[in-house]
Amino acid sequence: MRKNGKRKTLSIIVGVVDKKKNLKHLAMVYGIDYCADAECYLKIKNQIKEGIGNIGGIQFAETKELGRVNRIDPLNITYLRVRGMWGIENPWFVFNYIYQRNMEKSFNFMAIINEDKWNSFNNTDKLLAIQDSKLAISDIKIKNPNNPARLRNAKLITYHL
């Protein structure tokens, strides 16, 4: 993700809160390890937009959304807005090949950090030095979102109560 020419890091953080408003599960992963490149999604969006624009007999208006069809009814007073509603599986499903929550525990934490990002931190030695039986840091391989056959080196950090 870029903003003003600078690369921004997108973090995906998902939690589960029980009926008593207690945090039960927390997952953290970087967007680069979770979602394919923007071109993957833009290709589908543009195909849909083009398909809508090619429907004969309608007045199509340019918009930032997938499309807008004007003058639907005989009075020419209604329009149809076509919007994308993207959905994505949660991190526990996406990374179930390396981590499963322990539902017997009162709290489960999972963080996945790719090797490049991990190596960019200057305090990993402090994290690795923590002695706690509830904390685990392991070397793993995760699927590349752009090509799942290619694996990336990463760290899996887990903690439970």
N, C-alpha and C. Protein backbone atom coordinates (compact mmCIF):
# COMPACT_ATOMS: atom_id res chain seq x y z
N MET A 1 0.84 -1.16 0.00
CA MET A 1 0.00 0.00 0.00
C MET A 1 0.89 1.23 0.00
N ARG A 2 0.60 2.17 -0.88
CA ARG A 2 1.40 3.39 -0.96
C ARG A 2 0.50 4.60 -0.70
N LYS A 3 1.05 5.56 0.02
CA LYS A 3 0.36 6.82 0.27
C LYS A 3 1.39 7.92 0.16
N ASN A 4 1.11 8.88 -0.71
CA ASN A 4 2.04 9.99 -0.94
C ASN A 4 3.43 9.49 -1.34
N GLY A 5 3.48 8.42 -2.12
CA GLY A 5 4.75 7.88 -2.60
C GLY A 5 5.51 7.04 -1.59
N LYS A 6 5.00 6.95 -0.36
CA LYS A 6 5.68 6.16 0.67
C LYS A 6 4.93 4.84 0.87
N ARG A 7 5.69 3.80 1.10
CA ARG A 7 5.09 2.49 1.34
C ARG A 7 4.56 2.43 2.77
N LYS A 8 3.32 2.02 2.90
CA LYS A 8 2.67 1.89 4.21
C LYS A 8 2.48 0.41 4.52
N THR A 9 2.60 0.08 5.78
CA THR A 9 2.39 -1.29 6.21
C THR A 9 0.95 -1.45 6.67
N LEU A 10 0.27 -2.44 6.10
CA LEU A 10 -1.10 -2.75 6.49
C LEU A 10 -1.06 -3.95 7.43
N SER A 11 -1.62 -3.80 8.60
CA SER A 11 -1.70 -4.90 9.55
C SER A 11 -3.14 -5.34 9.68
N ILE A 12 -3.36 -6.64 9.67
CA ILE A 12 -4.68 -7.21 9.87
C ILE A 12 -4.73 -7.69 11.32
N ILE A 13 -5.65 -7.16 12.09
CA ILE A 13 -5.79 -7.54 13.49
C ILE A 13 -7.25 -7.92 13.71
N VAL A 14 -7.47 -9.16 14.13
CA VAL A 14 -8.83 -9.67 14.32
C VAL A 14 -8.93 -10.25 15.72
N GLY A 15 -10.00 -9.91 16.40
CA GLY A 15 -10.22 -10.43 17.74
C GLY A 15 -11.62 -11.00 17.88
N VAL A 16 -11.78 -11.85 18.89
CA VAL A 16 -13.08 -12.41 19.23
C VAL A 16 -13.35 -12.06 20.69
N VAL A 17 -14.52 -11.46 20.92
CA VAL A 17 -14.93 -11.06 22.26
C VAL A 17 -16.16 -11.89 22.63
N ASP A 18 -16.16 -12.44 23.85
CA ASP A 18 -17.31 -13.25 24.27
C ASP A 18 -18.45 -12.35 24.74
N LYS A 19 -19.56 -12.98 25.17
CA LYS A 19 -20.74 -12.22 25.57
C LYS A 19 -20.48 -11.33 26.78
N LYS A 20 -19.49 -11.68 27.57
CA LYS A 20 -19.14 -10.87 28.75
C LYS A 20 -18.12 -9.79 28.40
N LYS A 21 -17.84 -9.65 27.10
CA LYS A 21 -16.91 -8.65 26.57
C LYS A 21 -15.46 -8.92 26.95
N ASN A 22 -15.13 -10.20 27.13
CA ASN A 22 -13.75 -10.61 27.37
C ASN A 22 -13.10 -10.98 26.04
N LEU A 23 -11.89 -10.50 25.82
CA LEU A 23 -11.15 -10.86 24.61
C LEU A 23 -10.71 -12.30 24.72
N LYS A 24 -11.16 -13.14 23.79
CA LYS A 24 -10.87 -14.58 23.83
C LYS A 24 -9.77 -14.98 22.85
N HIS A 25 -9.76 -14.36 21.70
CA HIS A 25 -8.81 -14.72 20.65
C HIS A 25 -8.34 -13.44 19.96
N LEU A 26 -7.05 -13.42 19.61
CA LEU A 26 -6.49 -12.27 18.91
C LEU A 26 -5.49 -12.78 17.88
N ALA A 27 -5.63 -12.31 16.65
CA ALA A 27 -4.71 -12.69 15.57
C ALA A 27 -4.17 -11.43 14.91
N MET A 28 -2.87 -11.46 14.60
CA MET A 28 -2.23 -10.33 13.93
C MET A 28 -1.38 -10.88 12.78
N VAL A 29 -1.51 -10.25 11.62
CA VAL A 29 -0.73 -10.65 10.46
C VAL A 29 -0.58 -9.43 9.55
N TYR A 30 0.51 -9.36 8.85
CA TYR A 30 0.73 -8.26 7.91
C TYR A 30 -0.03 -8.53 6.62
N GLY A 31 -0.57 -7.46 6.04
CA GLY A 31 -1.35 -7.57 4.81
C GLY A 31 -0.59 -8.24 3.68
N ILE A 32 0.72 -7.99 3.60
CA ILE A 32 1.54 -8.58 2.53
C ILE A 32 1.55 -10.11 2.60
N ASP A 33 1.28 -10.66 3.79
CA ASP A 33 1.26 -12.11 3.97
C ASP A 33 -0.15 -12.68 3.96
N TYR A 34 -1.14 -11.81 3.82
CA TYR A 34 -2.54 -12.21 3.96
C TYR A 34 -3.34 -12.05 2.67
N CYS A 35 -3.04 -11.01 1.91
CA CYS A 35 -3.80 -10.68 0.71
C CYS A 35 -2.88 -10.62 -0.50
N ALA A 36 -3.43 -10.96 -1.65
CA ALA A 36 -2.67 -10.86 -2.89
C ALA A 36 -2.45 -9.39 -3.24
N ASP A 37 -1.59 -9.14 -4.20
CA ASP A 37 -1.34 -7.78 -4.65
C ASP A 37 -2.63 -7.17 -5.21
N ALA A 38 -2.72 -5.86 -5.19
CA ALA A 38 -3.92 -5.13 -5.61
C ALA A 38 -4.35 -5.50 -7.03
N GLU A 39 -3.40 -5.79 -7.90
CA GLU A 39 -3.73 -6.12 -9.28
C GLU A 39 -4.68 -7.31 -9.38
N CYS A 40 -4.55 -8.24 -8.47
CA CYS A 40 -5.41 -9.43 -8.45
C CYS A 40 -6.88 -9.02 -8.32
N TYR A 41 -7.16 -8.11 -7.43
CA TYR A 41 -8.52 -7.67 -7.16
C TYR A 41 -9.00 -6.67 -8.20
N LEU A 42 -8.09 -5.81 -8.65
CA LEU A 42 -8.46 -4.81 -9.65
C LEU A 42 -8.84 -5.46 -10.98
N LYS A 43 -8.20 -6.57 -11.31
CA LYS A 43 -8.52 -7.28 -12.55
C LYS A 43 -9.99 -7.71 -12.55
N ILE A 44 -10.43 -8.32 -11.46
CA ILE A 44 -11.82 -8.76 -11.36
C ILE A 44 -12.77 -7.56 -11.36
N LYS A 45 -12.42 -6.54 -10.58
CA LYS A 45 -13.26 -5.33 -10.51
C LYS A 45 -13.43 -4.73 -11.90
N ASN A 46 -12.35 -4.61 -12.64
CA ASN A 46 -12.41 -4.01 -13.97
C ASN A 46 -13.19 -4.86 -14.95
N GLN A 47 -13.10 -6.19 -14.83
CA GLN A 47 -13.88 -7.07 -15.71
C GLN A 47 -15.37 -6.90 -15.45
N ILE A 48 -15.74 -6.81 -14.18
CA ILE A 48 -17.15 -6.61 -13.83
C ILE A 48 -17.63 -5.26 -14.33
N LYS A 49 -16.82 -4.24 -14.10
CA LYS A 49 -17.18 -2.88 -14.53
C LYS A 49 -17.35 -2.82 -16.05
N GLU A 50 -16.44 -3.46 -16.76
CA GLU A 50 -16.52 -3.48 -18.22
C GLU A 50 -17.75 -4.23 -18.69
N GLY A 51 -18.04 -5.35 -18.03
CA GLY A 51 -19.23 -6.13 -18.39
C GLY A 51 -20.51 -5.35 -18.21
N ILE A 52 -20.61 -4.62 -17.12
CA ILE A 52 -21.79 -3.80 -16.87
C ILE A 52 -21.90 -2.71 -17.94
N GLY A 53 -20.78 -2.11 -18.28
CA GLY A 53 -20.77 -1.05 -19.28
C GLY A 53 -21.14 -1.53 -20.67
N ASN A 54 -21.00 -2.82 -20.93
CA ASN A 54 -21.29 -3.37 -22.26
C ASN A 54 -22.72 -3.88 -22.40
N ILE A 55 -23.52 -3.77 -21.36
CA ILE A 55 -24.92 -4.19 -21.45
C ILE A 55 -25.65 -3.19 -22.33
N GLY A 56 -26.33 -3.68 -23.36
CA GLY A 56 -27.03 -2.81 -24.29
C GLY A 56 -28.31 -2.24 -23.71
N GLY A 57 -28.67 -1.06 -24.17
CA GLY A 57 -29.95 -0.46 -23.81
C GLY A 57 -30.01 0.19 -22.44
N ILE A 58 -28.87 0.41 -21.82
CA ILE A 58 -28.88 1.09 -20.53
C ILE A 58 -27.97 2.30 -20.58
N GLN A 59 -28.24 3.24 -19.69
CA GLN A 59 -27.37 4.41 -19.60
C GLN A 59 -26.43 4.20 -18.42
N PHE A 60 -25.19 3.96 -18.76
CA PHE A 60 -24.16 3.68 -17.75
C PHE A 60 -23.41 4.96 -17.43
N ALA A 61 -23.20 5.24 -16.14
CA ALA A 61 -22.48 6.44 -15.72
C ALA A 61 -21.15 6.04 -15.09
N GLU A 62 -20.12 6.81 -15.38
CA GLU A 62 -18.81 6.56 -14.76
C GLU A 62 -18.88 6.89 -13.28
N THR A 63 -18.23 6.08 -12.49
CA THR A 63 -18.22 6.25 -11.05
C THR A 63 -17.00 5.55 -10.47
N LYS A 64 -16.68 5.85 -9.22
CA LYS A 64 -15.59 5.15 -8.55
C LYS A 64 -16.01 3.75 -8.12
N GLU A 65 -17.32 3.51 -8.08
CA GLU A 65 -17.84 2.19 -7.72
C GLU A 65 -17.73 1.30 -8.95
N LEU A 66 -18.31 0.11 -8.87
CA LEU A 66 -18.29 -0.78 -10.04
C LEU A 66 -19.11 -0.19 -11.18
N GLY A 67 -20.15 0.52 -10.83
CA GLY A 67 -20.95 1.14 -11.87
C GLY A 67 -22.19 1.81 -11.34
N ARG A 68 -22.82 2.53 -12.23
CA ARG A 68 -24.11 3.15 -11.94
C ARG A 68 -24.90 3.14 -13.24
N VAL A 69 -26.10 2.60 -13.16
CA VAL A 69 -26.99 2.55 -14.31
C VAL A 69 -28.11 3.56 -14.04
N ASN A 70 -28.24 4.54 -14.93
CA ASN A 70 -29.23 5.60 -14.76
C ASN A 70 -30.52 5.28 -15.51
N ARG A 71 -31.58 5.94 -15.07
CA ARG A 71 -32.87 5.91 -15.76
C ARG A 71 -33.39 4.49 -15.97
N ILE A 72 -33.59 3.81 -14.88
CA ILE A 72 -34.05 2.42 -14.91
C ILE A 72 -35.53 2.34 -15.25
N ASP A 73 -36.33 3.25 -14.71
CA ASP A 73 -37.79 3.17 -14.82
C ASP A 73 -38.32 4.09 -15.93
N PRO A 74 -39.61 3.96 -16.27
CA PRO A 74 -40.18 4.79 -17.33
C PRO A 74 -40.13 6.29 -17.05
N LEU A 75 -40.12 6.69 -15.77
CA LEU A 75 -40.04 8.12 -15.45
C LEU A 75 -38.60 8.62 -15.44
N ASN A 76 -37.67 7.73 -15.62
CA ASN A 76 -36.24 8.06 -15.60
C ASN A 76 -35.81 8.73 -14.29
N ILE A 77 -36.33 8.23 -13.17
CA ILE A 77 -36.00 8.84 -11.88
C ILE A 77 -35.21 7.91 -10.96
N THR A 78 -35.04 6.69 -11.37
CA THR A 78 -34.29 5.76 -10.51
C THR A 78 -32.98 5.37 -11.17
N TYR A 79 -32.06 4.97 -10.33
CA TYR A 79 -30.76 4.51 -10.81
C TYR A 79 -30.32 3.35 -9.93
N LEU A 80 -29.42 2.57 -10.45
CA LEU A 80 -28.88 1.42 -9.74
C LEU A 80 -27.39 1.63 -9.52
N ARG A 81 -26.99 1.62 -8.26
CA ARG A 81 -25.56 1.71 -7.93
C ARG A 81 -25.04 0.29 -7.76
N VAL A 82 -23.95 0.00 -8.44
CA VAL A 82 -23.34 -1.33 -8.35
C VAL A 82 -22.05 -1.19 -7.56
N ARG A 83 -22.03 -1.83 -6.40
CA ARG A 83 -20.89 -1.70 -5.50
C ARG A 83 -20.24 -3.05 -5.26
N GLY A 84 -18.96 -3.00 -5.01
CA GLY A 84 -18.25 -4.22 -4.65
C GLY A 84 -18.38 -4.47 -3.15
N MET A 85 -18.64 -5.68 -2.78
CA MET A 85 -18.72 -6.05 -1.37
C MET A 85 -17.73 -7.19 -1.18
N TRP A 86 -16.49 -6.82 -0.90
CA TRP A 86 -15.44 -7.81 -0.74
C TRP A 86 -15.55 -8.47 0.63
N GLY A 87 -15.26 -9.74 0.68
CA GLY A 87 -15.18 -10.48 1.93
C GLY A 87 -13.85 -11.21 1.96
N ILE A 88 -13.40 -11.55 3.14
CA ILE A 88 -12.13 -12.29 3.26
C ILE A 88 -12.24 -13.21 4.46
N GLU A 89 -11.67 -14.38 4.34
CA GLU A 89 -11.67 -15.34 5.44
C GLU A 89 -10.83 -14.80 6.59
N ASN A 90 -11.14 -15.24 7.80
CA ASN A 90 -10.39 -14.77 8.96
C ASN A 90 -9.02 -15.45 9.03
N PRO A 91 -8.08 -14.85 9.76
CA PRO A 91 -6.71 -15.38 9.81
C PRO A 91 -6.61 -16.81 10.34
N TRP A 92 -7.51 -17.20 11.25
CA TRP A 92 -7.44 -18.56 11.78
C TRP A 92 -7.77 -19.59 10.71
N PHE A 93 -8.66 -19.22 9.78
CA PHE A 93 -8.97 -20.11 8.66
C PHE A 93 -7.83 -20.09 7.64
N VAL A 94 -7.36 -18.90 7.29
CA VAL A 94 -6.32 -18.76 6.27
C VAL A 94 -5.04 -19.49 6.68
N PHE A 95 -4.68 -19.43 7.95
CA PHE A 95 -3.43 -20.02 8.43
C PHE A 95 -3.67 -21.28 9.27
N ASN A 96 -4.77 -21.99 9.00
CA ASN A 96 -5.07 -23.19 9.79
C ASN A 96 -4.07 -24.32 9.55
N TYR A 97 -3.26 -24.21 8.54
CA TYR A 97 -2.24 -25.23 8.27
C TYR A 97 -1.02 -25.06 9.18
N ILE A 98 -0.96 -23.94 9.92
CA ILE A 98 0.16 -23.75 10.86
C ILE A 98 -0.29 -23.45 12.28
N TYR A 99 -1.55 -23.10 12.48
CA TYR A 99 -2.00 -22.75 13.82
C TYR A 99 -3.49 -23.05 14.00
N GLN A 100 -3.82 -23.66 15.13
CA GLN A 100 -5.21 -23.88 15.52
C GLN A 100 -5.39 -23.37 16.94
N ARG A 101 -6.45 -22.65 17.15
CA ARG A 101 -6.75 -22.14 18.49
C ARG A 101 -7.09 -23.30 19.43
N ASN A 102 -6.71 -23.16 20.68
CA ASN A 102 -7.07 -24.13 21.71
C ASN A 102 -8.29 -23.57 22.43
N MET A 103 -9.45 -24.10 22.12
CA MET A 103 -10.70 -23.58 22.66
C MET A 103 -10.84 -23.83 24.16
N GLU A 104 -9.98 -24.67 24.72
CA GLU A 104 -9.99 -24.92 26.16
C GLU A 104 -9.34 -23.78 26.94
N LYS A 105 -8.56 -22.97 26.26
CA LYS A 105 -7.85 -21.85 26.90
C LYS A 105 -8.77 -20.63 26.97
N SER A 106 -8.52 -19.77 27.95
CA SER A 106 -9.34 -18.56 28.09
C SER A 106 -8.92 -17.46 27.11
N PHE A 107 -7.69 -17.56 26.57
CA PHE A 107 -7.20 -16.57 25.62
C PHE A 107 -6.17 -17.22 24.71
N ASN A 108 -6.27 -16.94 23.41
CA ASN A 108 -5.32 -17.40 22.41
C ASN A 108 -4.85 -16.21 21.58
N PHE A 109 -3.53 -16.12 21.40
CA PHE A 109 -2.94 -15.07 20.58
C PHE A 109 -2.07 -15.70 19.51
N MET A 110 -2.16 -15.17 18.31
CA MET A 110 -1.33 -15.63 17.19
C MET A 110 -0.87 -14.41 16.42
N ALA A 111 0.43 -14.34 16.14
CA ALA A 111 0.96 -13.31 15.25
C ALA A 111 1.88 -13.99 14.25
N ILE A 112 1.75 -13.59 13.01
CA ILE A 112 2.62 -14.11 11.95
C ILE A 112 3.40 -12.92 11.40
N ILE A 113 4.72 -13.07 11.39
CA ILE A 113 5.60 -11.99 10.92
C ILE A 113 6.57 -12.59 9.90
N ASN A 114 6.52 -12.10 8.67
CA ASN A 114 7.42 -12.64 7.65
C ASN A 114 8.87 -12.31 8.01
N GLU A 115 9.77 -13.08 7.45
CA GLU A 115 11.19 -12.98 7.80
C GLU A 115 11.77 -11.58 7.56
N ASP A 116 11.41 -10.96 6.45
CA ASP A 116 11.93 -9.62 6.17
C ASP A 116 11.49 -8.61 7.22
N LYS A 117 10.23 -8.65 7.58
CA LYS A 117 9.71 -7.73 8.60
C LYS A 117 10.35 -8.03 9.95
N TRP A 118 10.45 -9.32 10.31
CA TRP A 118 11.07 -9.72 11.58
C TRP A 118 12.49 -9.18 11.67
N ASN A 119 13.24 -9.33 10.59
CA ASN A 119 14.64 -8.89 10.57
C ASN A 119 14.77 -7.36 10.61
N SER A 120 13.71 -6.65 10.30
CA SER A 120 13.76 -5.19 10.34
C SER A 120 13.58 -4.64 11.75
N PHE A 121 13.13 -5.47 12.67
CA PHE A 121 12.95 -5.04 14.06
C PHE A 121 14.27 -5.10 14.80
N ASN A 122 14.48 -4.17 15.71
CA ASN A 122 15.74 -4.15 16.46
C ASN A 122 15.60 -4.72 17.87
N ASN A 123 14.42 -5.26 18.21
CA ASN A 123 14.23 -5.78 19.56
C ASN A 123 13.83 -7.25 19.61
N THR A 124 14.06 -7.98 18.54
CA THR A 124 13.65 -9.39 18.52
C THR A 124 14.40 -10.23 19.54
N ASP A 125 15.63 -9.85 19.84
CA ASP A 125 16.39 -10.60 20.84
C ASP A 125 15.72 -10.55 22.21
N LYS A 126 15.09 -9.44 22.53
CA LYS A 126 14.36 -9.33 23.80
C LYS A 126 13.16 -10.27 23.83
N LEU A 127 12.46 -10.33 22.72
CA LEU A 127 11.31 -11.23 22.63
C LEU A 127 11.75 -12.68 22.73
N LEU A 128 12.83 -13.02 22.03
CA LEU A 128 13.33 -14.39 22.06
C LEU A 128 13.86 -14.79 23.43
N ALA A 129 14.26 -13.81 24.23
CA ALA A 129 14.83 -14.10 25.56
C ALA A 129 13.76 -14.34 26.63
N ILE A 130 12.51 -14.03 26.32
CA ILE A 130 11.44 -14.21 27.31
C ILE A 130 11.26 -15.70 27.60
N GLN A 131 11.28 -16.03 28.87
CA GLN A 131 11.07 -17.42 29.31
C GLN A 131 9.66 -17.52 29.89
N ASP A 132 8.75 -18.07 29.13
CA ASP A 132 7.36 -18.22 29.57
C ASP A 132 6.78 -19.42 28.85
N SER A 133 6.27 -20.37 29.60
CA SER A 133 5.74 -21.60 29.00
C SER A 133 4.50 -21.35 28.15
N LYS A 134 3.86 -20.20 28.31
CA LYS A 134 2.66 -19.88 27.53
C LYS A 134 3.00 -19.21 26.21
N LEU A 135 4.26 -18.81 26.04
CA LEU A 135 4.72 -18.12 24.84
C LEU A 135 5.56 -19.05 23.98
N ALA A 136 5.29 -19.04 22.69
CA ALA A 136 6.10 -19.83 21.75
C ALA A 136 6.40 -18.98 20.52
N ILE A 137 7.64 -19.08 20.05
CA ILE A 137 8.06 -18.41 18.82
C ILE A 137 8.70 -19.47 17.94
N SER A 138 8.10 -19.71 16.78
CA SER A 138 8.60 -20.77 15.91
C SER A 138 8.87 -20.27 14.51
N ASP A 139 9.80 -20.95 13.85
CA ASP A 139 10.06 -20.70 12.44
C ASP A 139 9.04 -21.51 11.64
N ILE A 140 8.39 -20.84 10.70
CA ILE A 140 7.37 -21.50 9.89
C ILE A 140 7.55 -21.09 8.43
N LYS A 141 6.79 -21.71 7.58
CA LYS A 141 6.70 -21.33 6.17
C LYS A 141 5.24 -21.06 5.88
N ILE A 142 4.99 -19.88 5.29
CA ILE A 142 3.62 -19.50 4.95
C ILE A 142 3.49 -19.39 3.44
N LYS A 143 2.26 -19.56 2.97
CA LYS A 143 1.98 -19.48 1.54
C LYS A 143 2.05 -18.02 1.08
N ASN A 144 2.65 -17.82 -0.08
CA ASN A 144 2.68 -16.50 -0.71
C ASN A 144 1.27 -16.23 -1.25
N PRO A 145 0.61 -15.15 -0.85
CA PRO A 145 -0.76 -14.90 -1.31
C PRO A 145 -0.89 -14.77 -2.83
N ASN A 146 0.18 -14.41 -3.52
CA ASN A 146 0.14 -14.30 -4.98
C ASN A 146 0.41 -15.62 -5.68
N ASN A 147 1.03 -16.56 -4.97
CA ASN A 147 1.35 -17.87 -5.54
C ASN A 147 1.50 -18.85 -4.37
N PRO A 148 0.41 -19.51 -3.96
CA PRO A 148 0.45 -20.39 -2.78
C PRO A 148 1.44 -21.54 -2.89
N ALA A 149 1.91 -21.85 -4.09
CA ALA A 149 2.91 -22.92 -4.24
C ALA A 149 4.28 -22.46 -3.75
N ARG A 150 4.47 -21.15 -3.68
CA ARG A 150 5.74 -20.60 -3.17
C ARG A 150 5.58 -20.28 -1.69
N LEU A 151 6.52 -20.75 -0.90
CA LEU A 151 6.45 -20.53 0.54
C LEU A 151 7.42 -19.44 0.97
N ARG A 152 7.05 -18.73 2.02
CA ARG A 152 7.88 -17.67 2.59
C ARG A 152 8.26 -18.06 4.01
N ASN A 153 9.46 -17.70 4.40
CA ASN A 153 9.88 -17.90 5.79
C ASN A 153 9.20 -16.86 6.67
N ALA A 154 8.79 -17.29 7.85
CA ALA A 154 8.11 -16.39 8.78
C ALA A 154 8.28 -16.90 10.20
N LYS A 155 7.83 -16.08 11.13
CA LYS A 155 7.79 -16.45 12.55
C LYS A 155 6.33 -16.54 12.96
N LEU A 156 6.04 -17.54 13.77
CA LEU A 156 4.73 -17.67 14.39
C LEU A 156 4.92 -17.42 15.88
N ILE A 157 4.24 -16.42 16.38
CA ILE A 157 4.29 -16.11 17.81
C ILE A 157 2.92 -16.47 18.38
N THR A 158 2.92 -17.33 19.39
CA THR A 158 1.67 -17.71 20.03
C THR A 158 1.77 -17.50 21.53
N TYR A 159 0.63 -17.21 22.11
CA TYR A 159 0.55 -17.02 23.55
C TYR A 159 -0.85 -17.45 23.97
N HIS A 160 -0.95 -18.10 25.10
CA HIS A 160 -2.26 -18.53 25.58
C HIS A 160 -2.34 -18.42 27.09
N LEU A 161 -3.55 -18.30 27.58
CA LEU A 161 -3.83 -18.29 29.02
C LEU A 161 -4.84 -19.36 29.34
